[in-house]
Amino acid sequence: MPLTRKAYRAAILHSIADPAEVGIETSYEYFEDGLLVVDDGKISAVGHASELLPTLPADIEINHYQDALITPGFIDTHIHLPQTGMVGSYGEQLLDWLNTYTFPCESQFGDKAHADEVADIFIKELLRNGTTTALVFGSVHPQSVNSFFEAAEKLDLRMIAGKVMMDRNAPDYLVDTAESSYVDSKALIERWHGKGRLHYAVTPRFAPTSTPEQLTLAGQLLTEYPDLYMQTHISENLKEIEWVKELFPERKGYLDVYDHYQLLGERSVFAHGVHLCDDECARLAETGSAISFCPTSNLFLGSGLFNLPMAEKHKLNVGLGTDVGGGTSFSLLQTLNEAYKVMQLQGARLSPFKSLYLATLGGARALRLEDRIGNLRPGSDADFLVLDYNATPLLSYRLKQSKNIAETLFVLMTLGDDRTVAQTYAAGALVHQR
């Protein structure tokens, strides 16, 4: 089969390190007139167009974008597929919100036709917003994960998902058992984990909805399949934290519950972490676990403000999560808009280059996939976006005043949304065209 080689010319920007560790200036590469070369779904070269063009064959197809920026695809480290239909639900904080809106909405996912329909809408929304990889919660029904992976496989997307494990403190119509959750998860792992660009995540919803028996079996799955992911929630809401103390009085805190059941590790991602203490951050970092920072959701549900500087102090891996449906947008640009405000409210700064890092390479590091996604280095999967500087009249006018790439990037993150994403590529294939 002949090599399919294509090139893409525009301004190009990607993160190569965490600004908190190396300083802003050495954390990114920017090519004002750049060229990205893709061979068979992988990036083979990135750099200045003037240097790379002479090295290419004369007949190569070059897509040239004016007034546009190429970046890596965005990575969403926390989102719920079954909550797509209840995004933007009024008036509750976490625990009431789960009972009022979430559980009834999730109850429909045993039905294949419904699960297929929502998986299709969900993936289209991700790609429309420039998200090329997501760590996804299904519902308690295996069908939710089968439908999602079937849709993702057709487009050769790099996606991670798991069936929710939940055997108590939820409506009767939505609980599994410790044993059935283990058996169902195992069947899904055998079917999907490592197939194409798909990965499985063991998914206990959160400590209050799992018995000790179920958490034990979740830990057992991670032992049986060492390269699995684990995803759950932690320290999102103050009432939730009190509830965990009542349910697990023998443990010294919320994180210690998960630690006891051996759920911490290099592919474990804990959503929120709004109310973590220093010791918990240190323990997460020590075990190689990561946090998904979900600012839109934390503000919408009144949960609190994530302390990013504390996470940085402990060198804790942090990715960005939309947390749809607690979050109100699939757009990681809009999520970064909210992240900036969360930092402002704490008297801290969030630079545009740290924001870019969180949405791309930081998410890849949280998922231990930085050798494959999250940047545009040669050898990486060709998952990338074309962002349009003229997506809206206001954006177009504002960017004409921009003096440098830092300002341009910040404006894209404050005024940008799904309309800003002109094209989304996954493994070198065009999967969304605005």
Protein backbone atom coordinates (compact mmCIF):
# COMPACT_ATOMS: atom_id res chain seq x y z
CA MET A 1 0.00 0.00 0.00
CA PRO A 2 1.48 3.40 -0.92
CA LEU A 3 2.35 5.80 1.88
CA THR A 4 -0.31 8.49 2.28
CA ARG A 5 1.61 11.68 2.95
CA LYS A 6 -0.02 15.08 3.39
CA ALA A 7 1.13 18.43 4.70
CA TYR A 8 -0.71 21.21 6.52
CA ARG A 9 0.51 24.81 6.48
CA ALA A 10 -0.57 27.48 9.01
CA ALA A 11 0.63 28.99 12.26
CA ILE A 12 1.45 25.97 14.48
CA LEU A 13 1.64 25.84 18.30
CA HIS A 14 2.10 22.96 20.73
CA SER A 15 3.20 22.37 24.33
CA ILE A 16 6.42 20.46 24.89
CA ALA A 17 6.61 20.77 28.72
CA ASP A 18 4.72 21.99 31.79
CA PRO A 19 5.30 25.76 32.21
CA ALA A 20 5.21 25.24 36.00
CA GLU A 21 8.30 23.03 35.72
CA VAL A 22 10.40 24.63 32.97
CA GLY A 23 9.09 28.21 32.75
CA ILE A 24 6.77 29.59 30.08
CA GLU A 25 9.38 30.41 27.43
CA THR A 26 10.66 26.85 27.05
CA SER A 27 7.28 25.13 27.47
CA TYR A 28 6.07 25.44 23.87
CA GLU A 29 7.08 25.55 20.21
CA TYR A 30 5.53 28.11 17.87
CA PHE A 31 5.97 28.38 14.12
CA GLU A 32 4.40 31.53 12.70
CA ASP A 33 4.45 30.02 9.21
CA GLY A 34 4.58 26.35 10.07
CA LEU A 35 4.25 23.02 8.31
CA LEU A 36 2.93 19.75 9.73
CA VAL A 37 3.71 16.61 7.71
CA VAL A 38 1.59 13.49 8.24
CA ASP A 39 2.45 9.97 7.03
CA ASP A 40 -0.11 7.18 7.46
CA GLY A 41 -1.82 8.71 10.46
CA LYS A 42 1.37 9.73 12.29
CA ILE A 43 3.20 13.04 12.40
CA SER A 44 6.52 12.73 10.55
CA ALA A 45 7.71 16.37 10.72
CA VAL A 46 6.79 19.74 12.19
CA GLY A 47 8.66 23.03 11.80
CA HIS A 48 9.05 26.20 9.79
CA ALA A 49 7.51 25.94 6.32
CA SER A 50 10.60 27.55 4.78
CA GLU A 51 12.81 24.75 6.12
CA LEU A 52 10.48 21.78 5.48
CA LEU A 53 9.02 22.60 2.05
CA PRO A 54 12.29 21.96 0.15
CA THR A 55 12.50 18.47 1.69
CA LEU A 56 9.10 17.36 0.37
CA PRO A 57 8.26 15.81 -3.02
CA ALA A 58 6.89 18.29 -5.57
CA ASP A 59 3.53 16.53 -5.90
CA ILE A 60 2.65 16.37 -2.18
CA GLU A 61 -0.82 17.65 -1.26
CA ILE A 62 -0.51 20.75 0.97
CA ASN A 63 -3.52 22.18 2.80
CA HIS A 64 -2.75 25.87 3.35
CA TYR A 65 -4.83 27.72 5.97
CA GLN A 66 -4.88 31.51 6.19
CA ASP A 67 -5.65 33.19 9.55
CA ALA A 68 -5.59 29.89 11.38
CA LEU A 69 -3.70 28.05 14.12
CA ILE A 70 -2.91 24.34 14.18
CA THR A 71 -2.73 22.80 17.67
CA PRO A 72 -2.83 19.24 19.02
CA GLY A 73 -6.30 17.79 19.52
CA PHE A 74 -7.81 18.58 22.91
CA ILE A 75 -7.94 15.93 25.64
CA ASP A 76 -10.92 15.77 28.00
CA THR A 77 -9.98 13.80 31.11
CA HIS A 78 -13.48 13.64 32.62
CA ILE A 79 -16.89 13.49 30.90
CA HIS A 80 -20.13 11.49 31.19
CA LEU A 81 -21.67 10.05 28.01
CA PRO A 82 -25.12 9.32 29.56
CA GLN A 83 -25.52 12.88 30.85
CA THR A 84 -25.52 14.44 27.36
CA GLY A 85 -29.31 14.77 27.45
CA MET A 86 -29.43 16.60 30.80
CA VAL A 87 -26.60 19.10 30.38
CA GLY A 88 -27.66 22.50 31.75
CA SER A 89 -30.13 21.23 34.39
CA TYR A 90 -31.26 23.87 36.87
CA GLY A 91 -30.86 24.48 40.52
CA GLU A 92 -29.10 21.72 42.49
CA GLN A 93 -25.76 20.95 44.10
CA LEU A 94 -24.06 17.62 43.58
CA LEU A 95 -25.99 15.05 45.66
CA ASP A 96 -29.48 16.41 44.90
CA TRP A 97 -28.50 16.92 41.26
CA LEU A 98 -27.56 13.23 40.96
CA ASN A 99 -30.94 12.10 42.32
CA THR A 100 -33.08 14.69 40.52
CA TYR A 101 -31.53 14.62 37.05
CA THR A 102 -28.62 12.24 36.58
CA PHE A 103 -29.94 8.88 37.70
CA PRO A 104 -33.25 9.12 35.77
CA CYS A 105 -31.33 10.17 32.63
CA GLU A 106 -28.82 7.31 32.97
CA SER A 107 -31.60 4.73 33.41
CA GLN A 108 -32.29 4.69 29.63
CA PHE A 109 -28.92 3.25 28.56
CA GLY A 110 -29.83 -0.42 28.76
CA ASP A 111 -31.67 0.21 25.47
CA LYS A 112 -29.33 -0.25 22.50
CA ALA A 113 -31.14 2.16 20.17
CA HIS A 114 -30.99 4.92 22.80
CA ALA A 115 -27.35 4.21 23.67
CA ASP A 116 -26.37 4.20 19.96
CA GLU A 117 -28.17 7.50 19.33
CA VAL A 118 -26.53 9.27 22.27
CA ALA A 119 -23.07 7.83 21.48
CA ASP A 120 -23.36 9.29 17.97
CA ILE A 121 -24.43 12.74 19.24
CA PHE A 122 -21.76 12.65 21.97
CA ILE A 123 -18.86 11.82 19.62
CA LYS A 124 -19.99 14.43 17.09
CA GLU A 125 -20.04 17.03 19.88
CA LEU A 126 -16.55 16.04 21.05
CA LEU A 127 -15.11 16.33 17.54
CA ARG A 128 -16.99 19.56 16.78
CA ASN A 129 -15.32 21.05 19.84
CA GLY A 130 -11.87 19.75 18.92
CA THR A 131 -11.70 16.96 21.51
CA THR A 132 -9.87 14.00 19.98
CA THR A 133 -9.39 11.94 23.17
CA ALA A 134 -11.70 11.67 26.17
CA LEU A 135 -11.84 9.65 29.39
CA VAL A 136 -15.52 8.74 29.46
CA PHE A 137 -17.95 7.47 32.08
CA GLY A 138 -20.63 5.16 30.69
CA SER A 139 -23.73 4.28 32.68
CA VAL A 140 -24.10 1.17 34.81
CA HIS A 141 -25.22 -0.67 31.64
CA PRO A 142 -22.55 -2.43 29.54
CA GLN A 143 -24.52 -1.30 26.46
CA SER A 144 -23.49 2.32 27.08
CA VAL A 145 -19.82 1.36 26.64
CA ASN A 146 -20.43 -0.98 23.69
CA SER A 147 -22.30 1.75 21.82
CA PHE A 148 -19.61 4.33 22.55
CA PHE A 149 -16.69 2.13 21.53
CA GLU A 150 -18.48 0.94 18.37
CA ALA A 151 -18.90 4.58 17.27
CA ALA A 152 -15.33 5.54 18.26
CA GLU A 153 -13.80 2.52 16.51
CA LYS A 154 -15.41 3.47 13.17
CA LEU A 155 -13.49 6.77 13.25
CA ASP A 156 -10.26 5.26 14.66
CA LEU A 157 -10.38 7.60 17.67
CA ARG A 158 -8.17 7.26 20.74
CA MET A 159 -10.80 6.98 23.47
CA ILE A 160 -10.98 5.55 27.00
CA ALA A 161 -14.24 4.51 28.67
CA GLY A 162 -15.74 2.24 31.29
CA LYS A 163 -19.00 0.94 32.66
CA VAL A 164 -20.00 2.57 35.95
CA MET A 165 -19.79 0.26 38.98
CA MET A 166 -22.51 1.19 41.49
CA ASP A 167 -24.05 -1.28 43.92
CA ARG A 168 -25.60 0.92 46.63
CA ASN A 169 -27.01 4.38 47.46
CA ALA A 170 -28.66 4.75 44.06
CA PRO A 171 -32.15 3.89 42.73
CA ASP A 172 -32.97 0.17 42.48
CA TYR A 173 -33.31 0.47 38.70
CA LEU A 174 -29.68 1.64 38.40
CA VAL A 175 -27.58 -0.59 40.65
CA ASP A 176 -25.47 -3.59 39.75
CA THR A 177 -23.87 -5.96 42.26
CA ALA A 178 -20.23 -6.34 43.24
CA GLU A 179 -20.10 -9.61 41.30
CA SER A 180 -22.04 -8.49 38.19
CA SER A 181 -19.99 -5.31 37.90
CA TYR A 182 -16.81 -7.40 37.93
CA VAL A 183 -18.11 -9.89 35.35
CA ASP A 184 -19.55 -7.18 33.06
CA SER A 185 -16.40 -5.06 33.27
CA LYS A 186 -14.22 -8.08 32.51
CA ALA A 187 -16.27 -8.91 29.40
CA LEU A 188 -15.94 -5.30 28.17
CA ILE A 189 -12.19 -5.33 28.85
CA GLU A 190 -11.76 -8.54 26.85
CA ARG A 191 -13.79 -7.13 23.97
CA TRP A 192 -12.41 -3.59 23.74
CA HIS A 193 -9.23 -2.88 25.70
CA GLY A 194 -6.33 -2.36 23.29
CA LYS A 195 -8.53 -2.77 20.20
CA GLY A 196 -7.39 -0.14 17.69
CA ARG A 197 -6.89 3.04 19.70
CA LEU A 198 -9.38 2.13 22.46
CA HIS A 199 -8.65 1.61 26.16
CA TYR A 200 -10.80 0.49 29.11
CA ALA A 201 -11.18 2.26 32.45
CA VAL A 202 -12.41 0.55 35.62
CA THR A 203 -15.12 2.98 36.75
CA PRO A 204 -16.51 2.94 40.31
CA ARG A 205 -18.77 6.02 40.27
CA PHE A 206 -17.57 7.30 43.65
CA ALA A 207 -16.96 5.80 47.09
CA PRO A 208 -20.53 6.35 48.42
CA THR A 209 -22.14 4.26 45.65
CA SER A 210 -19.82 1.24 45.97
CA THR A 211 -19.70 -1.31 48.78
CA PRO A 212 -16.32 -2.42 50.11
CA GLU A 213 -16.88 -5.68 48.17
CA GLN A 214 -17.28 -3.80 44.90
CA LEU A 215 -14.24 -1.58 45.52
CA THR A 216 -12.22 -4.72 46.29
CA LEU A 217 -13.20 -6.25 42.93
CA ALA A 218 -12.40 -2.96 41.13
CA GLY A 219 -8.89 -3.20 42.60
CA GLN A 220 -8.72 -6.85 41.54
CA LEU A 221 -9.45 -5.92 37.90
CA LEU A 222 -6.54 -3.47 37.97
CA THR A 223 -4.28 -6.24 39.24
CA GLU A 224 -5.46 -8.70 36.59
CA TYR A 225 -4.97 -6.24 33.70
CA PRO A 226 -2.01 -4.00 34.60
CA ASP A 227 -2.43 -1.46 31.79
CA LEU A 228 -6.09 -0.60 32.49
CA TYR A 229 -7.23 2.86 33.51
CA MET A 230 -9.21 3.68 36.65
CA GLN A 231 -11.52 6.67 36.91
CA THR A 232 -13.71 7.95 39.73
CA HIS A 233 -14.65 11.14 41.61
CA ILE A 234 -13.04 12.62 44.72
CA SER A 235 -13.58 15.57 47.07
CA GLU A 236 -15.94 17.44 44.80
CA ASN A 237 -18.49 18.68 47.31
CA LEU A 238 -18.35 19.23 51.11
CA LYS A 239 -21.53 17.23 51.84
CA GLU A 240 -20.15 14.38 49.73
CA ILE A 241 -16.94 14.36 51.81
CA GLU A 242 -18.97 14.18 55.06
CA TRP A 243 -21.00 11.30 53.60
CA VAL A 244 -17.82 9.37 52.78
CA LYS A 245 -16.66 9.82 56.41
CA GLU A 246 -19.96 8.35 57.65
CA LEU A 247 -19.80 5.39 55.25
CA PHE A 248 -16.11 4.59 55.84
CA PRO A 249 -15.42 5.66 59.45
CA GLU A 250 -12.42 3.32 59.63
CA ARG A 251 -10.53 5.22 56.89
CA LYS A 252 -8.62 8.42 57.59
CA GLY A 253 -10.14 10.37 54.69
CA TYR A 254 -11.73 10.24 51.24
CA LEU A 255 -8.52 9.45 49.34
CA ASP A 256 -7.62 6.79 51.89
CA VAL A 257 -10.77 4.86 50.94
CA TYR A 258 -9.50 4.49 47.36
CA ASP A 259 -5.94 3.91 48.55
CA HIS A 260 -7.07 1.08 50.82
CA TYR A 261 -8.74 -0.71 47.89
CA GLN A 262 -5.62 -0.26 45.72
CA LEU A 263 -7.20 2.11 43.22
CA LEU A 264 -4.33 4.63 43.09
CA GLY A 265 -1.75 4.27 40.34
CA GLU A 266 -0.19 5.61 37.17
CA ARG A 267 -3.38 5.29 35.12
CA SER A 268 -5.79 6.40 37.84
CA VAL A 269 -7.61 9.69 37.24
CA PHE A 270 -9.64 11.31 40.01
CA ALA A 271 -12.15 13.95 38.93
CA HIS A 272 -12.43 17.29 40.77
CA GLY A 273 -10.21 17.15 43.89
CA VAL A 274 -11.59 20.56 44.87
CA HIS A 275 -11.18 20.01 48.61
CA LEU A 276 -7.99 17.93 48.77
CA CYS A 277 -5.42 18.67 51.47
CA ASP A 278 -1.62 18.80 51.08
CA ASP A 279 -1.14 15.22 52.31
CA GLU A 280 -3.65 13.89 49.79
CA CYS A 281 -1.99 15.77 46.93
CA ALA A 282 1.36 14.36 48.00
CA ARG A 283 -0.04 10.80 48.08
CA LEU A 284 -1.64 11.17 44.64
CA ALA A 285 1.66 12.41 43.23
CA GLU A 286 3.63 9.64 44.94
CA THR A 287 1.43 6.95 43.33
CA GLY A 288 1.51 8.62 39.90
CA SER A 289 -2.25 9.26 40.02
CA ALA A 290 -3.78 12.29 38.29
CA ILE A 291 -6.52 14.85 38.91
CA SER A 292 -9.02 16.07 36.34
CA PHE A 293 -9.69 19.78 36.90
CA CYS A 294 -13.34 20.51 35.96
CA PRO A 295 -13.85 24.26 36.42
CA THR A 296 -17.11 24.65 34.48
CA SER A 297 -18.77 21.93 36.54
CA ASN A 298 -17.29 23.10 39.85
CA LEU A 299 -18.76 26.58 39.31
CA PHE A 300 -22.10 25.34 37.92
CA LEU A 301 -22.74 22.94 40.83
CA GLY A 302 -21.29 25.37 43.41
CA SER A 303 -18.68 22.79 44.45
CA GLY A 304 -15.70 25.11 45.02
CA LEU A 305 -12.42 26.23 43.49
CA PHE A 306 -9.64 23.79 42.56
CA ASN A 307 -6.24 24.73 43.99
CA LEU A 308 -3.97 24.32 40.95
CA PRO A 309 -0.91 25.93 42.62
CA MET A 310 -1.07 23.29 45.39
CA ALA A 311 -1.17 20.51 42.78
CA GLU A 312 1.80 22.09 41.00
CA LYS A 313 3.76 22.29 44.24
CA HIS A 314 3.43 18.50 44.60
CA LYS A 315 4.16 17.90 40.87
CA LEU A 316 0.78 16.18 40.61
CA ASN A 317 -0.38 15.40 37.06
CA VAL A 318 -3.45 17.50 36.20
CA GLY A 319 -5.62 17.30 33.11
CA LEU A 320 -8.71 19.28 32.16
CA GLY A 321 -12.26 17.91 32.24
CA THR A 322 -15.54 19.31 30.92
CA ASP A 323 -17.58 16.99 33.19
CA VAL A 324 -20.63 17.20 30.94
CA GLY A 325 -23.43 17.12 32.24
CA GLY A 326 -22.28 18.84 35.49
CA GLY A 327 -20.19 21.00 33.18
CA THR A 328 -22.17 23.04 30.70
CA SER A 329 -20.01 22.83 27.55
CA PHE A 330 -18.18 20.21 25.50
CA SER A 331 -15.71 22.95 24.56
CA LEU A 332 -12.30 22.83 26.24
CA LEU A 333 -11.82 26.44 25.09
CA GLN A 334 -14.85 27.41 27.17
CA THR A 335 -13.59 25.19 30.00
CA LEU A 336 -10.29 27.13 29.98
CA ASN A 337 -12.26 30.38 30.06
CA GLU A 338 -13.78 29.16 33.36
CA ALA A 339 -10.43 27.79 34.61
CA TYR A 340 -8.91 31.25 34.28
CA LYS A 341 -11.71 32.71 36.43
CA VAL A 342 -11.33 29.96 39.05
CA MET A 343 -7.67 30.97 39.40
CA GLN A 344 -8.53 34.69 39.47
CA LEU A 345 -10.93 34.10 42.36
CA GLN A 346 -8.02 32.60 44.31
CA GLY A 347 -5.60 35.40 43.48
CA ALA A 348 -3.64 33.15 41.12
CA ARG A 349 -2.77 33.48 37.43
CA LEU A 350 -3.37 30.97 34.66
CA SER A 351 -1.13 31.80 31.70
CA PRO A 352 -2.39 30.96 28.19
CA PHE A 353 0.53 28.54 27.78
CA LYS A 354 -0.36 26.68 30.97
CA SER A 355 -3.93 26.55 29.67
CA LEU A 356 -2.75 25.07 26.37
CA TYR A 357 -0.70 22.55 28.35
CA LEU A 358 -3.70 21.50 30.49
CA ALA A 359 -5.90 20.96 27.42
CA THR A 360 -3.29 18.96 25.48
CA LEU A 361 0.02 17.63 26.84
CA GLY A 362 -1.09 17.84 30.49
CA GLY A 363 -4.10 15.66 29.72
CA ALA A 364 -1.88 13.25 27.78
CA ARG A 365 0.50 13.00 30.75
CA ALA A 366 -2.40 12.42 33.12
CA LEU A 367 -3.37 9.50 30.86
CA ARG A 368 0.24 8.32 30.33
CA LEU A 369 -0.19 8.81 26.58
CA GLU A 370 2.24 11.69 26.01
CA ASP A 371 4.26 9.51 23.62
CA ARG A 372 1.19 9.25 21.36
CA ILE A 373 -1.01 12.33 21.78
CA GLY A 374 -1.03 15.82 23.28
CA ASN A 375 1.75 17.29 21.14
CA LEU A 376 2.85 17.46 17.51
CA ARG A 377 6.22 15.77 17.81
CA PRO A 378 7.26 13.35 15.04
CA GLY A 379 6.01 9.86 15.89
CA SER A 380 2.85 11.09 17.60
CA ASP A 381 -0.63 10.21 16.36
CA ALA A 382 -1.81 12.87 13.89
CA ASP A 383 -4.62 14.15 16.14
CA PHE A 384 -4.78 17.89 15.54
CA LEU A 385 -7.06 20.90 15.04
CA VAL A 386 -7.33 23.89 12.77
CA LEU A 387 -8.57 26.89 14.78
CA ASP A 388 -10.09 29.72 12.73
CA TYR A 389 -9.12 33.28 13.71
CA ASN A 390 -12.20 34.58 11.85
CA ALA A 391 -14.72 32.18 13.39
CA THR A 392 -16.92 35.02 14.67
CA PRO A 393 -16.96 38.75 13.86
CA LEU A 394 -15.87 39.66 17.39
CA LEU A 395 -13.04 37.10 17.44
CA SER A 396 -11.83 38.31 14.04
CA TYR A 397 -11.84 41.97 15.13
CA ARG A 398 -10.22 41.25 18.50
CA LEU A 399 -7.41 39.12 17.03
CA LYS A 400 -6.48 41.91 14.60
CA GLN A 401 -5.40 43.85 17.70
CA SER A 402 -3.25 40.97 18.99
CA LYS A 403 0.47 41.70 19.35
CA ASN A 404 1.83 38.16 19.89
CA ILE A 405 0.93 34.48 20.11
CA ALA A 406 0.35 34.67 23.89
CA GLU A 407 -2.36 37.28 23.40
CA THR A 408 -3.86 35.39 20.45
CA LEU A 409 -3.98 32.17 22.47
CA PHE A 410 -5.63 33.88 25.44
CA VAL A 411 -8.28 35.50 23.22
CA LEU A 412 -9.04 32.12 21.59
CA MET A 413 -9.56 30.69 25.09
CA THR A 414 -11.83 33.50 26.28
CA LEU A 415 -13.88 34.19 23.13
CA GLY A 416 -13.56 30.81 21.41
CA ASP A 417 -15.97 27.88 21.37
CA ASP A 418 -17.05 25.12 18.96
CA ARG A 419 -17.31 27.67 16.11
CA THR A 420 -13.55 28.29 16.40
CA VAL A 421 -12.76 24.68 15.42
CA ALA A 422 -12.69 24.68 11.60
CA GLN A 423 -11.39 21.12 11.27
CA THR A 424 -10.60 18.19 13.54
CA TYR A 425 -8.22 15.41 12.45
CA ALA A 426 -7.82 12.03 14.17
CA ALA A 427 -5.02 9.66 13.09
CA GLY A 428 -4.57 11.88 10.05
CA ALA A 429 -8.20 11.59 8.91
CA LEU A 430 -10.58 14.56 8.76
CA VAL A 431 -13.31 13.69 11.31
CA HIS A 432 -14.97 17.08 11.63
CA GLN A 433 -15.35 19.93 9.16
CA ARG A 434 -17.24 23.01 10.34
